[in-house]
């Protein structure tokens, strides 16, 4: 199979400046993603899509390719992961390079390892999914979620679950925000990373952490040390 790993890493992070190359326990955080991809031995090409010269230097140091810079259009706050993936694949196609499968690995995914990448890839092929990505179980049943109404009073999203025991409710999950494996042709055709034929790799709360602010960053480092 001809596979490409795309690591999106723009330089304009605001909540955590230089987030994608900030030191995570002594190493730029993007290095963990690059190294996991290399160790998996699943890729013809491992590239970083970026608009930042500092990210280029660090990405190359750890073994990734940067054959072209990301466009200005896809470097703003509104560009989606799908936009970035499409741009990368179109650029390669101009040079007559096409790939059977894509794995988009986020730059801030230090818990990722080559075993998870491989397990998800095998699920993609074996089950003929359009895409596969890691998910984590919500720590509390979403059926019992509450909100504030316009009068600032509390109400449930669905009051029929008010007296339900948590153990009786169906489990729910959320995207772990680490990576997406996808069949290139199917995903581009459906124009979405998540389709009606997507599969999942379930990971534990200790194996993932959303990193949006410095508190998240410190928590991620604590988890990583425990692991």
N, C-alpha and C. Protein backbone atom coordinates (compact mmCIF):
# COMPACT_ATOMS: atom_id res chain seq x y z
N UNK A 1 0.84 -1.20 0.00
CA UNK A 1 0.00 0.00 0.00
C UNK A 1 0.88 1.26 0.00
N UNK A 2 0.39 2.27 -0.68
CA UNK A 2 1.10 3.54 -0.77
C UNK A 2 0.42 4.53 0.18
N UNK A 3 1.04 4.78 1.33
CA UNK A 3 0.43 5.60 2.39
C UNK A 3 1.22 6.86 2.65
N UNK A 4 0.51 7.93 2.96
CA UNK A 4 1.15 9.18 3.36
C UNK A 4 0.70 9.58 4.75
N UNK A 5 1.63 10.09 5.54
CA UNK A 5 1.32 10.67 6.86
C UNK A 5 1.41 12.18 6.72
N UNK A 6 0.32 12.86 7.06
CA UNK A 6 0.28 14.32 7.02
C UNK A 6 0.16 14.83 8.45
N UNK A 7 1.09 15.70 8.85
CA UNK A 7 1.06 16.28 10.20
C UNK A 7 0.81 17.78 10.06
N UNK A 8 -0.41 18.24 10.33
CA UNK A 8 -0.71 19.68 10.25
C UNK A 8 -0.08 20.41 11.43
N UNK A 9 0.62 21.51 11.14
CA UNK A 9 1.30 22.23 12.23
C UNK A 9 1.50 23.69 11.83
N UNK A 10 0.47 24.47 11.90
CA UNK A 10 0.63 25.89 11.56
C UNK A 10 1.31 26.63 12.71
N UNK A 11 1.85 27.78 12.41
CA UNK A 11 2.61 28.51 13.42
C UNK A 11 1.82 29.53 14.20
N UNK A 12 0.53 29.71 13.89
CA UNK A 12 -0.22 30.81 14.48
C UNK A 12 -1.03 30.48 15.72
N UNK A 13 -0.59 29.52 16.54
CA UNK A 13 -1.35 29.20 17.75
C UNK A 13 -1.33 30.38 18.70
N UNK A 14 -2.50 30.66 19.31
CA UNK A 14 -2.62 31.86 20.14
C UNK A 14 -2.67 31.55 21.63
N UNK A 15 -3.43 30.53 22.03
CA UNK A 15 -3.56 30.25 23.47
C UNK A 15 -2.26 29.71 24.06
N UNK A 16 -1.51 28.94 23.26
CA UNK A 16 -0.19 28.48 23.67
C UNK A 16 0.76 28.85 22.53
N UNK A 17 1.49 29.97 22.66
CA UNK A 17 2.39 30.40 21.59
C UNK A 17 3.39 29.31 21.20
N UNK A 18 3.59 29.15 19.90
CA UNK A 18 4.52 28.14 19.36
C UNK A 18 4.17 26.74 19.89
N UNK A 19 2.90 26.49 20.04
CA UNK A 19 2.42 25.25 20.65
C UNK A 19 2.99 24.00 20.00
N UNK A 20 3.03 23.97 18.68
CA UNK A 20 3.42 22.75 17.98
C UNK A 20 4.90 22.38 18.10
N UNK A 21 5.73 23.33 18.56
CA UNK A 21 7.14 23.01 18.77
C UNK A 21 7.59 23.31 20.20
N UNK A 22 6.63 23.59 21.07
CA UNK A 22 6.94 23.82 22.48
C UNK A 22 7.50 22.54 23.10
N UNK A 23 8.45 22.70 24.00
CA UNK A 23 9.08 21.54 24.63
C UNK A 23 8.10 20.79 25.53
N UNK A 24 7.96 19.51 25.27
CA UNK A 24 7.12 18.63 26.08
C UNK A 24 8.05 17.61 26.73
N UNK A 25 8.33 17.82 28.01
CA UNK A 25 9.25 16.95 28.76
C UNK A 25 10.59 16.81 28.04
N UNK A 26 11.10 17.94 27.56
CA UNK A 26 12.45 17.95 27.01
C UNK A 26 12.58 17.78 25.51
N UNK A 27 11.44 17.66 24.80
CA UNK A 27 11.50 17.45 23.35
C UNK A 27 10.35 18.19 22.70
N UNK A 28 10.56 18.81 21.53
CA UNK A 28 9.44 19.49 20.86
C UNK A 28 8.27 18.54 20.70
N UNK A 29 7.07 18.98 21.02
CA UNK A 29 5.94 18.08 21.05
C UNK A 29 5.66 17.44 19.69
N UNK A 30 5.95 18.17 18.60
CA UNK A 30 5.72 17.60 17.28
C UNK A 30 6.61 16.38 17.02
N UNK A 31 7.75 16.32 17.71
CA UNK A 31 8.69 15.21 17.51
C UNK A 31 8.05 13.86 17.85
N UNK A 32 7.16 13.85 18.84
CA UNK A 32 6.51 12.60 19.23
C UNK A 32 5.67 12.04 18.09
N UNK A 33 4.97 12.92 17.38
CA UNK A 33 4.14 12.49 16.25
C UNK A 33 5.00 11.98 15.09
N UNK A 34 6.06 12.72 14.79
CA UNK A 34 6.94 12.32 13.69
C UNK A 34 7.60 10.97 13.99
N UNK A 35 8.10 10.82 15.20
CA UNK A 35 8.79 9.58 15.56
C UNK A 35 7.86 8.37 15.57
N UNK A 36 6.61 8.57 16.02
CA UNK A 36 5.64 7.47 16.02
C UNK A 36 5.34 7.03 14.59
N UNK A 37 5.22 8.00 13.70
CA UNK A 37 4.96 7.67 12.29
C UNK A 37 6.13 6.92 11.67
N UNK A 38 7.34 7.37 11.95
CA UNK A 38 8.53 6.70 11.42
C UNK A 38 8.63 5.27 11.93
N UNK A 39 8.42 5.07 13.22
CA UNK A 39 8.55 3.75 13.83
C UNK A 39 7.50 2.76 13.31
N UNK A 40 6.36 3.26 12.86
CA UNK A 40 5.31 2.38 12.36
C UNK A 40 5.71 1.69 11.05
N UNK A 41 6.59 2.33 10.28
CA UNK A 41 7.06 1.79 8.99
C UNK A 41 5.91 1.54 8.00
N UNK A 42 4.88 2.36 8.10
CA UNK A 42 3.71 2.19 7.25
C UNK A 42 3.64 3.20 6.10
N UNK A 43 4.58 4.17 6.09
CA UNK A 43 4.41 5.31 5.19
C UNK A 43 5.48 5.43 4.12
N UNK A 44 5.00 5.73 2.91
CA UNK A 44 5.89 6.09 1.82
C UNK A 44 6.44 7.49 2.04
N UNK A 45 5.61 8.34 2.61
CA UNK A 45 5.97 9.74 2.84
C UNK A 45 5.43 10.20 4.19
N UNK A 46 6.27 10.90 4.95
CA UNK A 46 5.86 11.53 6.21
C UNK A 46 6.15 13.01 6.07
N UNK A 47 5.12 13.83 5.99
CA UNK A 47 5.31 15.25 5.74
C UNK A 47 4.59 16.11 6.77
N UNK A 48 5.11 17.31 6.96
CA UNK A 48 4.49 18.28 7.85
C UNK A 48 3.96 19.43 7.00
N UNK A 49 2.70 19.77 7.18
CA UNK A 49 2.08 20.89 6.48
C UNK A 49 2.13 22.10 7.41
N UNK A 50 2.95 23.09 7.06
CA UNK A 50 3.14 24.24 7.94
C UNK A 50 3.38 25.51 7.13
N UNK A 51 3.20 26.63 7.82
CA UNK A 51 3.48 27.94 7.25
C UNK A 51 4.61 28.63 8.00
N UNK A 52 5.29 27.88 8.87
CA UNK A 52 6.22 28.48 9.83
C UNK A 52 7.64 27.92 9.63
N UNK A 53 8.62 28.81 9.48
CA UNK A 53 10.01 28.40 9.23
C UNK A 53 10.62 27.66 10.42
N UNK A 54 10.26 28.05 11.63
CA UNK A 54 10.81 27.38 12.82
C UNK A 54 10.30 25.93 12.89
N UNK A 55 9.04 25.73 12.53
CA UNK A 55 8.48 24.38 12.52
C UNK A 55 9.16 23.54 11.44
N UNK A 56 9.45 24.16 10.30
CA UNK A 56 10.15 23.47 9.21
C UNK A 56 11.48 22.90 9.72
N UNK A 57 12.26 23.72 10.41
CA UNK A 57 13.58 23.29 10.88
C UNK A 57 13.48 22.11 11.84
N UNK A 58 12.55 22.20 12.78
CA UNK A 58 12.41 21.14 13.78
C UNK A 58 11.85 19.87 13.16
N UNK A 59 10.87 20.02 12.27
CA UNK A 59 10.28 18.85 11.61
C UNK A 59 11.33 18.09 10.81
N UNK A 60 12.16 18.81 10.08
CA UNK A 60 13.22 18.17 9.30
C UNK A 60 14.24 17.49 10.22
N UNK A 61 14.54 18.12 11.33
CA UNK A 61 15.51 17.56 12.28
C UNK A 61 15.07 16.18 12.76
N UNK A 62 13.76 16.00 12.95
CA UNK A 62 13.26 14.73 13.47
C UNK A 62 12.82 13.75 12.38
N UNK A 63 13.04 14.11 11.11
CA UNK A 63 12.85 13.14 10.04
C UNK A 63 11.67 13.30 9.12
N UNK A 64 10.95 14.42 9.23
CA UNK A 64 9.80 14.65 8.34
C UNK A 64 10.22 15.43 7.11
N UNK A 65 9.39 15.37 6.08
CA UNK A 65 9.61 16.12 4.85
C UNK A 65 8.69 17.34 4.82
N UNK A 66 9.18 18.42 4.23
CA UNK A 66 8.35 19.60 3.97
C UNK A 66 8.55 19.98 2.50
N UNK A 67 7.87 19.31 1.60
CA UNK A 67 8.09 19.55 0.16
C UNK A 67 7.54 20.89 -0.32
N UNK A 68 6.63 21.48 0.45
CA UNK A 68 6.06 22.78 0.11
C UNK A 68 5.44 23.37 1.37
N UNK A 69 5.27 24.69 1.37
CA UNK A 69 4.69 25.38 2.51
C UNK A 69 3.17 25.43 2.36
N UNK A 70 2.49 25.49 3.50
CA UNK A 70 1.04 25.59 3.46
C UNK A 70 0.62 26.96 2.94
N UNK A 71 -0.48 26.98 2.22
CA UNK A 71 -0.98 28.24 1.66
C UNK A 71 -1.47 29.16 2.77
N UNK A 72 -1.49 30.45 2.47
CA UNK A 72 -2.00 31.44 3.42
C UNK A 72 -3.46 31.18 3.74
N UNK A 73 -4.21 30.77 2.72
CA UNK A 73 -5.64 30.50 2.88
C UNK A 73 -5.90 29.44 3.94
N UNK A 74 -5.07 28.41 3.99
CA UNK A 74 -5.27 27.32 4.93
C UNK A 74 -4.40 27.44 6.19
N UNK A 75 -3.93 28.65 6.45
CA UNK A 75 -3.12 28.89 7.65
C UNK A 75 -3.83 29.79 8.65
N UNK A 76 -5.09 30.13 8.37
CA UNK A 76 -5.82 30.99 9.30
C UNK A 76 -6.61 30.16 10.31
N UNK A 77 -7.37 30.83 11.15
CA UNK A 77 -8.10 30.16 12.22
C UNK A 77 -9.32 29.38 11.72
N UNK A 78 -9.67 29.54 10.46
CA UNK A 78 -10.91 28.94 9.96
C UNK A 78 -10.68 27.70 9.09
N UNK A 79 -9.45 27.45 8.71
CA UNK A 79 -9.14 26.28 7.88
C UNK A 79 -9.36 25.00 8.69
N UNK A 80 -9.98 24.03 8.07
CA UNK A 80 -10.25 22.76 8.74
C UNK A 80 -9.15 21.74 8.43
N UNK A 81 -9.15 20.66 9.19
CA UNK A 81 -8.20 19.58 8.92
C UNK A 81 -8.43 19.03 7.52
N UNK A 82 -9.69 18.90 7.13
CA UNK A 82 -10.00 18.39 5.80
C UNK A 82 -9.45 19.32 4.71
N UNK A 83 -9.53 20.63 4.94
CA UNK A 83 -8.98 21.60 3.98
C UNK A 83 -7.48 21.37 3.79
N UNK A 84 -6.78 21.17 4.91
CA UNK A 84 -5.33 20.98 4.86
C UNK A 84 -4.98 19.69 4.13
N UNK A 85 -5.68 18.62 4.46
CA UNK A 85 -5.43 17.32 3.82
C UNK A 85 -5.65 17.42 2.31
N UNK A 86 -6.75 18.05 1.92
CA UNK A 86 -7.06 18.20 0.49
C UNK A 86 -5.99 18.98 -0.23
N UNK A 87 -5.52 20.06 0.39
CA UNK A 87 -4.46 20.88 -0.22
C UNK A 87 -3.19 20.06 -0.42
N UNK A 88 -2.81 19.30 0.60
CA UNK A 88 -1.59 18.48 0.51
C UNK A 88 -1.71 17.45 -0.61
N UNK A 89 -2.82 16.74 -0.65
CA UNK A 89 -2.99 15.70 -1.67
C UNK A 89 -3.01 16.30 -3.08
N UNK A 90 -3.60 17.47 -3.23
CA UNK A 90 -3.63 18.13 -4.54
C UNK A 90 -2.23 18.56 -4.99
N UNK A 91 -1.42 19.01 -4.02
CA UNK A 91 -0.05 19.40 -4.36
C UNK A 91 0.77 18.20 -4.80
N UNK A 92 0.61 17.09 -4.13
CA UNK A 92 1.33 15.87 -4.53
C UNK A 92 0.84 15.38 -5.90
N UNK A 93 -0.45 15.51 -6.12
CA UNK A 93 -1.03 15.05 -7.38
C UNK A 93 -0.47 15.83 -8.57
N UNK A 94 -0.16 17.10 -8.35
CA UNK A 94 0.44 17.92 -9.41
C UNK A 94 1.76 17.32 -9.88
N UNK A 95 2.45 16.65 -8.97
CA UNK A 95 3.73 16.01 -9.29
C UNK A 95 3.58 14.50 -9.52
N UNK A 96 2.31 14.11 -9.78
CA UNK A 96 1.98 12.72 -10.13
C UNK A 96 2.25 11.73 -8.99
N UNK A 97 2.04 12.20 -7.77
CA UNK A 97 2.12 11.32 -6.60
C UNK A 97 0.71 11.20 -6.01
N UNK A 98 0.21 9.97 -5.94
CA UNK A 98 -1.09 9.73 -5.32
C UNK A 98 -0.96 8.60 -4.30
N UNK A 99 -1.83 8.62 -3.29
CA UNK A 99 -1.71 7.70 -2.16
C UNK A 99 -3.02 6.95 -1.93
N UNK A 100 -2.89 5.67 -1.59
CA UNK A 100 -4.06 4.84 -1.32
C UNK A 100 -4.74 5.26 -0.02
N UNK A 101 -3.93 5.53 1.00
CA UNK A 101 -4.45 5.87 2.32
C UNK A 101 -3.68 7.05 2.91
N UNK A 102 -4.37 7.79 3.75
CA UNK A 102 -3.78 8.94 4.45
C UNK A 102 -3.93 8.73 5.95
N UNK A 103 -2.87 9.07 6.68
CA UNK A 103 -3.00 9.16 8.13
C UNK A 103 -2.65 10.58 8.54
N UNK A 104 -3.63 11.31 9.03
CA UNK A 104 -3.40 12.67 9.51
C UNK A 104 -3.14 12.58 11.01
N UNK A 105 -1.93 12.91 11.41
CA UNK A 105 -1.55 12.87 12.82
C UNK A 105 -1.37 14.30 13.32
N UNK A 106 -2.03 14.64 14.40
CA UNK A 106 -1.88 15.99 14.93
C UNK A 106 -0.52 16.18 15.60
N UNK A 107 -0.05 17.42 15.57
CA UNK A 107 1.29 17.72 16.09
C UNK A 107 1.37 17.58 17.60
N UNK A 108 0.25 17.79 18.28
CA UNK A 108 0.24 17.71 19.74
C UNK A 108 -0.43 16.41 20.19
N UNK A 109 0.24 15.30 19.91
CA UNK A 109 -0.30 13.98 20.27
C UNK A 109 0.81 13.11 20.87
N UNK A 110 1.37 13.53 22.00
CA UNK A 110 2.52 12.81 22.58
C UNK A 110 2.20 11.41 23.08
N UNK A 111 0.91 11.09 23.29
CA UNK A 111 0.54 9.76 23.79
C UNK A 111 0.47 8.74 22.65
N UNK A 112 0.52 9.21 21.44
CA UNK A 112 0.43 8.33 20.28
C UNK A 112 1.70 7.48 20.16
N UNK A 113 1.51 6.22 19.75
CA UNK A 113 2.67 5.37 19.49
C UNK A 113 2.43 4.56 18.21
N UNK A 114 3.49 3.90 17.75
CA UNK A 114 3.39 3.17 16.48
C UNK A 114 2.42 2.00 16.57
N UNK A 115 2.24 1.42 17.76
CA UNK A 115 1.30 0.31 17.92
C UNK A 115 -0.14 0.76 17.65
N UNK A 116 -0.51 1.93 18.15
CA UNK A 116 -1.86 2.44 17.92
C UNK A 116 -2.08 2.78 16.45
N UNK A 117 -1.06 3.36 15.83
CA UNK A 117 -1.16 3.70 14.42
C UNK A 117 -1.39 2.43 13.60
N UNK A 118 -0.64 1.38 13.93
CA UNK A 118 -0.74 0.12 13.21
C UNK A 118 -2.08 -0.57 13.45
N UNK A 119 -2.54 -0.56 14.70
CA UNK A 119 -3.82 -1.20 15.03
C UNK A 119 -4.97 -0.53 14.28
N UNK A 120 -4.95 0.79 14.24
CA UNK A 120 -6.00 1.52 13.53
C UNK A 120 -5.92 1.26 12.02
N UNK A 121 -4.72 1.18 11.50
CA UNK A 121 -4.54 0.90 10.07
C UNK A 121 -5.10 -0.47 9.70
N UNK A 122 -4.83 -1.44 10.55
CA UNK A 122 -5.36 -2.79 10.30
C UNK A 122 -6.88 -2.81 10.33
N UNK A 123 -7.48 -2.03 11.23
CA UNK A 123 -8.94 -1.92 11.27
C UNK A 123 -9.48 -1.31 9.98
N UNK A 124 -8.78 -0.30 9.48
CA UNK A 124 -9.19 0.37 8.25
C UNK A 124 -9.25 -0.62 7.09
N UNK A 125 -8.20 -1.43 6.96
CA UNK A 125 -8.11 -2.37 5.84
C UNK A 125 -9.04 -3.57 6.02
N UNK A 126 -9.01 -4.17 7.21
CA UNK A 126 -9.78 -5.39 7.46
C UNK A 126 -11.28 -5.17 7.32
N UNK A 127 -11.75 -4.04 7.85
CA UNK A 127 -13.19 -3.76 7.84
C UNK A 127 -13.64 -2.90 6.66
N UNK A 128 -12.68 -2.50 5.82
CA UNK A 128 -12.96 -1.65 4.67
C UNK A 128 -13.70 -0.37 5.07
N UNK A 129 -13.24 0.22 6.18
CA UNK A 129 -13.81 1.49 6.64
C UNK A 129 -13.35 2.63 5.74
N UNK A 130 -14.11 3.72 5.74
CA UNK A 130 -13.65 4.96 5.09
C UNK A 130 -12.58 5.62 5.94
N UNK A 131 -12.76 5.57 7.26
CA UNK A 131 -11.81 6.19 8.17
C UNK A 131 -11.85 5.49 9.53
N UNK A 132 -10.77 5.63 10.27
CA UNK A 132 -10.66 5.08 11.62
C UNK A 132 -9.90 6.09 12.47
N UNK A 133 -10.40 6.34 13.68
CA UNK A 133 -9.70 7.27 14.57
C UNK A 133 -9.95 6.89 16.03
N UNK A 134 -9.06 7.30 16.93
CA UNK A 134 -9.22 6.94 18.34
C UNK A 134 -10.32 7.75 19.02
N UNK A 135 -11.06 7.07 19.90
CA UNK A 135 -12.11 7.73 20.67
C UNK A 135 -11.94 7.40 22.15
N UNK A 136 -12.48 8.28 23.00
CA UNK A 136 -12.43 8.09 24.45
C UNK A 136 -13.83 8.16 25.01
N UNK A 137 -14.12 7.35 26.02
CA UNK A 137 -15.43 7.36 26.65
C UNK A 137 -15.60 8.62 27.50
N UNK A 138 -16.78 9.23 27.43
CA UNK A 138 -17.08 10.35 28.32
C UNK A 138 -17.07 9.85 29.77
N UNK A 139 -16.52 10.65 30.65
CA UNK A 139 -16.41 10.22 32.05
C UNK A 139 -17.76 10.25 32.77
N UNK A 140 -18.75 10.95 32.20
CA UNK A 140 -20.08 11.03 32.81
C UNK A 140 -21.12 10.89 31.70
N UNK A 141 -22.24 10.22 31.93
CA UNK A 141 -23.24 10.01 30.87
C UNK A 141 -23.75 11.32 30.26
N UNK A 142 -23.64 11.45 28.97
CA UNK A 142 -24.08 12.69 28.32
C UNK A 142 -25.60 12.81 28.35
N UNK A 143 -26.31 11.70 28.58
CA UNK A 143 -27.78 11.75 28.63
C UNK A 143 -28.25 12.58 29.83
N UNK A 144 -27.40 12.72 30.84
CA UNK A 144 -27.78 13.50 32.03
C UNK A 144 -27.16 14.90 32.02
N UNK A 145 -26.80 15.37 30.85
CA UNK A 145 -26.20 16.71 30.74
C UNK A 145 -27.23 17.79 31.07
N UNK A 146 -26.75 18.89 31.65
CA UNK A 146 -27.61 20.02 32.00
C UNK A 146 -27.10 21.29 31.32
N UNK A 147 -27.96 22.31 31.29
CA UNK A 147 -27.59 23.59 30.70
C UNK A 147 -28.31 24.71 31.43
N UNK A 148 -27.86 25.94 31.18
CA UNK A 148 -28.56 27.11 31.70
C UNK A 148 -29.46 27.65 30.60
N UNK A 149 -30.73 27.93 30.96
CA UNK A 149 -31.62 28.49 29.95
C UNK A 149 -31.48 30.01 29.91
N UNK A 150 -32.32 30.66 29.09
CA UNK A 150 -32.19 32.11 28.91
C UNK A 150 -32.49 32.90 30.18
N UNK A 151 -33.17 32.26 31.14
CA UNK A 151 -33.44 32.91 32.43
C UNK A 151 -32.39 32.56 33.48
N UNK A 152 -31.30 31.94 33.01
CA UNK A 152 -30.18 31.55 33.88
C UNK A 152 -30.56 30.47 34.88
N UNK A 153 -31.60 29.73 34.55
CA UNK A 153 -32.01 28.61 35.40
C UNK A 153 -31.52 27.30 34.80
N UNK A 154 -31.38 26.33 35.67
CA UNK A 154 -30.82 25.05 35.24
C UNK A 154 -31.92 24.15 34.67
N UNK A 155 -31.61 23.48 33.56
CA UNK A 155 -32.52 22.48 33.02
C UNK A 155 -31.73 21.40 32.30
N UNK A 156 -32.32 20.23 32.16
CA UNK A 156 -31.66 19.12 31.50
C UNK A 156 -31.88 19.20 29.99
N UNK A 157 -30.93 18.70 29.23
CA UNK A 157 -31.12 18.58 27.80
C UNK A 157 -32.26 17.60 27.51
N UNK A 158 -32.34 16.55 28.33
CA UNK A 158 -33.42 15.57 28.17
C UNK A 158 -33.85 15.10 29.56
N UNK A 159 -34.96 15.63 30.06
CA UNK A 159 -35.39 15.39 31.44
C UNK A 159 -35.80 13.95 31.71
N UNK A 160 -36.05 13.15 30.67
CA UNK A 160 -36.47 11.77 30.90
C UNK A 160 -35.37 10.93 31.55
N UNK A 161 -34.13 11.44 31.52
CA UNK A 161 -33.03 10.69 32.12
C UNK A 161 -32.69 11.17 33.53
N UNK A 162 -33.54 12.03 34.10
CA UNK A 162 -33.22 12.62 35.41
C UNK A 162 -33.00 11.55 36.48
N UNK A 163 -33.82 10.53 36.49
CA UNK A 163 -33.75 9.50 37.54
C UNK A 163 -33.01 8.24 37.09
N UNK A 164 -32.43 8.28 35.90
CA UNK A 164 -31.74 7.09 35.38
C UNK A 164 -30.42 6.87 36.11
N UNK A 165 -30.11 5.61 36.35
CA UNK A 165 -28.80 5.29 36.93
C UNK A 165 -27.75 5.34 35.82
N UNK A 166 -26.59 5.86 36.13
CA UNK A 166 -25.56 6.03 35.11
C UNK A 166 -25.17 4.70 34.47
N UNK A 167 -25.16 3.63 35.28
CA UNK A 167 -24.76 2.32 34.74
C UNK A 167 -25.79 1.73 33.78
N UNK A 168 -27.00 2.30 33.75
CA UNK A 168 -28.04 1.80 32.86
C UNK A 168 -28.06 2.54 31.52
N UNK A 169 -27.27 3.58 31.40
CA UNK A 169 -27.30 4.40 30.18
C UNK A 169 -26.23 3.95 29.19
N UNK A 170 -26.55 4.13 27.93
CA UNK A 170 -25.63 3.72 26.86
C UNK A 170 -24.34 4.54 26.92
N UNK A 171 -23.21 3.88 26.71
CA UNK A 171 -21.92 4.57 26.75
C UNK A 171 -21.81 5.52 25.56
N UNK A 172 -21.11 6.61 25.77
CA UNK A 172 -20.88 7.57 24.69
C UNK A 172 -19.40 7.94 24.65
N UNK A 173 -18.95 8.36 23.48
CA UNK A 173 -17.52 8.60 23.27
C UNK A 173 -17.30 9.92 22.53
N UNK A 174 -16.06 10.39 22.58
CA UNK A 174 -15.70 11.58 21.81
C UNK A 174 -14.36 11.35 21.11
N UNK A 175 -14.13 12.11 20.07
CA UNK A 175 -12.89 12.04 19.30
C UNK A 175 -11.72 12.38 20.22
N UNK A 176 -10.69 11.54 20.22
CA UNK A 176 -9.54 11.78 21.09
C UNK A 176 -8.60 12.85 20.55
N UNK A 177 -8.79 13.24 19.29
CA UNK A 177 -7.99 14.33 18.72
C UNK A 177 -6.53 13.99 18.54
N UNK A 178 -6.23 12.75 18.12
CA UNK A 178 -4.84 12.34 17.91
C UNK A 178 -4.51 12.11 16.45
N UNK A 179 -5.32 11.33 15.76
CA UNK A 179 -5.04 11.05 14.36
C UNK A 179 -6.29 10.53 13.66
N UNK A 180 -6.23 10.51 12.31
CA UNK A 180 -7.28 9.93 11.47
C UNK A 180 -6.62 9.10 10.37
N UNK A 181 -6.95 7.84 10.31
CA UNK A 181 -6.60 7.03 9.14
C UNK A 181 -7.77 7.13 8.18
N UNK A 182 -7.49 7.18 6.89
CA UNK A 182 -8.59 7.26 5.93
C UNK A 182 -8.23 6.67 4.58
N UNK A 183 -9.22 6.10 3.94
CA UNK A 183 -9.09 5.68 2.55
C UNK A 183 -9.20 6.94 1.71
N UNK A 184 -8.17 7.25 0.99
CA UNK A 184 -8.10 8.53 0.28
C UNK A 184 -9.29 8.76 -0.65
N UNK A 185 -9.55 7.81 -1.50
CA UNK A 185 -10.61 7.96 -2.50
C UNK A 185 -11.98 8.15 -1.86
N UNK A 186 -12.29 7.33 -0.85
CA UNK A 186 -13.61 7.39 -0.23
C UNK A 186 -13.85 8.68 0.53
N UNK A 187 -12.84 9.11 1.28
CA UNK A 187 -12.99 10.33 2.09
C UNK A 187 -13.07 11.57 1.22
N UNK A 188 -12.27 11.63 0.17
CA UNK A 188 -12.34 12.78 -0.73
C UNK A 188 -13.69 12.84 -1.44
N UNK A 189 -14.21 11.68 -1.78
CA UNK A 189 -15.51 11.61 -2.45
C UNK A 189 -16.63 12.11 -1.53
N UNK A 190 -16.56 11.71 -0.25
CA UNK A 190 -17.61 12.09 0.71
C UNK A 190 -17.34 13.42 1.40
N UNK A 191 -16.14 13.96 1.17
CA UNK A 191 -15.74 15.28 1.68
C UNK A 191 -15.88 15.41 3.20
N UNK A 192 -15.52 14.32 3.89
CA UNK A 192 -15.59 14.34 5.36
C UNK A 192 -14.69 13.26 5.94
N UNK A 193 -14.05 13.58 7.09
CA UNK A 193 -13.22 12.60 7.78
C UNK A 193 -14.08 11.59 8.52
N UNK A 194 -15.29 11.99 8.86
CA UNK A 194 -16.23 11.13 9.59
C UNK A 194 -17.40 10.83 8.69
N UNK A 195 -17.56 9.57 8.30
CA UNK A 195 -18.63 9.19 7.38
C UNK A 195 -19.54 8.15 8.04
N UNK A 196 -20.49 7.65 7.28
CA UNK A 196 -21.37 6.60 7.79
C UNK A 196 -20.70 5.23 7.74
N UNK A 197 -19.39 5.24 7.38
CA UNK A 197 -18.61 4.00 7.37
C UNK A 197 -17.27 4.22 8.05
N UNK A 198 -17.33 4.87 9.23
CA UNK A 198 -16.11 5.12 10.02
C UNK A 198 -16.01 4.13 11.17
N UNK A 199 -14.79 3.75 11.50
CA UNK A 199 -14.54 2.86 12.62
C UNK A 199 -13.74 3.56 13.69
N UNK A 200 -13.53 2.87 14.81
CA UNK A 200 -12.86 3.52 15.93
C UNK A 200 -11.88 2.62 16.65
N UNK A 201 -10.91 3.26 17.27
CA UNK A 201 -9.97 2.61 18.17
C UNK A 201 -10.23 3.23 19.54
N UNK A 202 -10.72 2.43 20.49
CA UNK A 202 -11.05 2.97 21.81
C UNK A 202 -9.78 3.05 22.67
N UNK A 203 -9.53 4.22 23.24
CA UNK A 203 -8.39 4.40 24.15
C UNK A 203 -8.91 4.88 25.50
N UNK A 204 -8.09 4.74 26.52
CA UNK A 204 -8.49 5.13 27.87
C UNK A 204 -8.23 6.62 28.11
N UNK A 205 -8.80 7.11 29.18
CA UNK A 205 -8.61 8.52 29.55
C UNK A 205 -7.15 8.84 29.83
N UNK A 206 -6.39 7.84 30.22
CA UNK A 206 -4.97 8.04 30.50
C UNK A 206 -4.13 8.07 29.23
N UNK A 207 -4.71 7.66 28.12
CA UNK A 207 -3.94 7.57 26.87
C UNK A 207 -4.16 8.76 25.94
N UNK A 208 -4.84 9.77 26.43
CA UNK A 208 -5.10 10.93 25.60
C UNK A 208 -5.36 12.16 26.45
N UNK A 209 -5.15 13.34 25.85
CA UNK A 209 -5.41 14.58 26.56
C UNK A 209 -5.54 15.71 25.55
N UNK A 210 -6.67 16.40 25.58
CA UNK A 210 -6.84 17.58 24.75
C UNK A 210 -5.93 18.67 25.30
N UNK A 211 -5.14 19.31 24.46
CA UNK A 211 -4.21 20.34 24.94
C UNK A 211 -4.58 21.67 24.31
N UNK A 212 -5.39 22.45 25.02
CA UNK A 212 -5.84 23.75 24.52
C UNK A 212 -5.27 24.93 25.30
N UNK A 213 -4.78 24.67 26.50
CA UNK A 213 -4.22 25.75 27.32
C UNK A 213 -3.09 25.20 28.18
N UNK A 214 -2.45 26.05 28.96
CA UNK A 214 -1.28 25.62 29.73
C UNK A 214 -1.64 24.63 30.83
N UNK A 215 -2.85 24.72 31.37
CA UNK A 215 -3.28 23.74 32.37
C UNK A 215 -3.38 22.35 31.74
N UNK A 216 -3.95 22.30 30.52
CA UNK A 216 -4.02 21.03 29.78
C UNK A 216 -2.62 20.49 29.55
N UNK A 217 -1.70 21.38 29.22
CA UNK A 217 -0.32 20.98 28.92
C UNK A 217 0.32 20.31 30.15
N UNK A 218 0.16 20.94 31.29
CA UNK A 218 0.74 20.38 32.52
C UNK A 218 0.10 19.05 32.87
N UNK A 219 -1.21 18.94 32.66
CA UNK A 219 -1.91 17.69 32.93
C UNK A 219 -1.41 16.59 32.00
N UNK A 220 -1.19 16.94 30.73
CA UNK A 220 -0.68 15.97 29.76
C UNK A 220 0.70 15.48 30.18
N UNK A 221 1.54 16.37 30.64
CA UNK A 221 2.88 15.95 31.08
C UNK A 221 2.80 15.03 32.28
N UNK A 222 1.88 15.31 33.19
CA UNK A 222 1.70 14.45 34.36
C UNK A 222 1.24 13.05 33.94
N UNK A 223 0.28 12.99 33.02
CA UNK A 223 -0.21 11.70 32.53
C UNK A 223 0.91 10.93 31.85
N UNK A 224 1.67 11.64 31.03
CA UNK A 224 2.75 10.98 30.28
C UNK A 224 3.77 10.37 31.24
N UNK A 225 4.10 11.09 32.30
CA UNK A 225 5.05 10.57 33.29
C UNK A 225 4.49 9.33 33.97
N UNK A 226 3.20 9.35 34.27
CA UNK A 226 2.57 8.19 34.93
C UNK A 226 2.59 6.97 34.01
N UNK A 227 2.41 7.20 32.73
CA UNK A 227 2.43 6.09 31.78
C UNK A 227 3.83 5.54 31.58
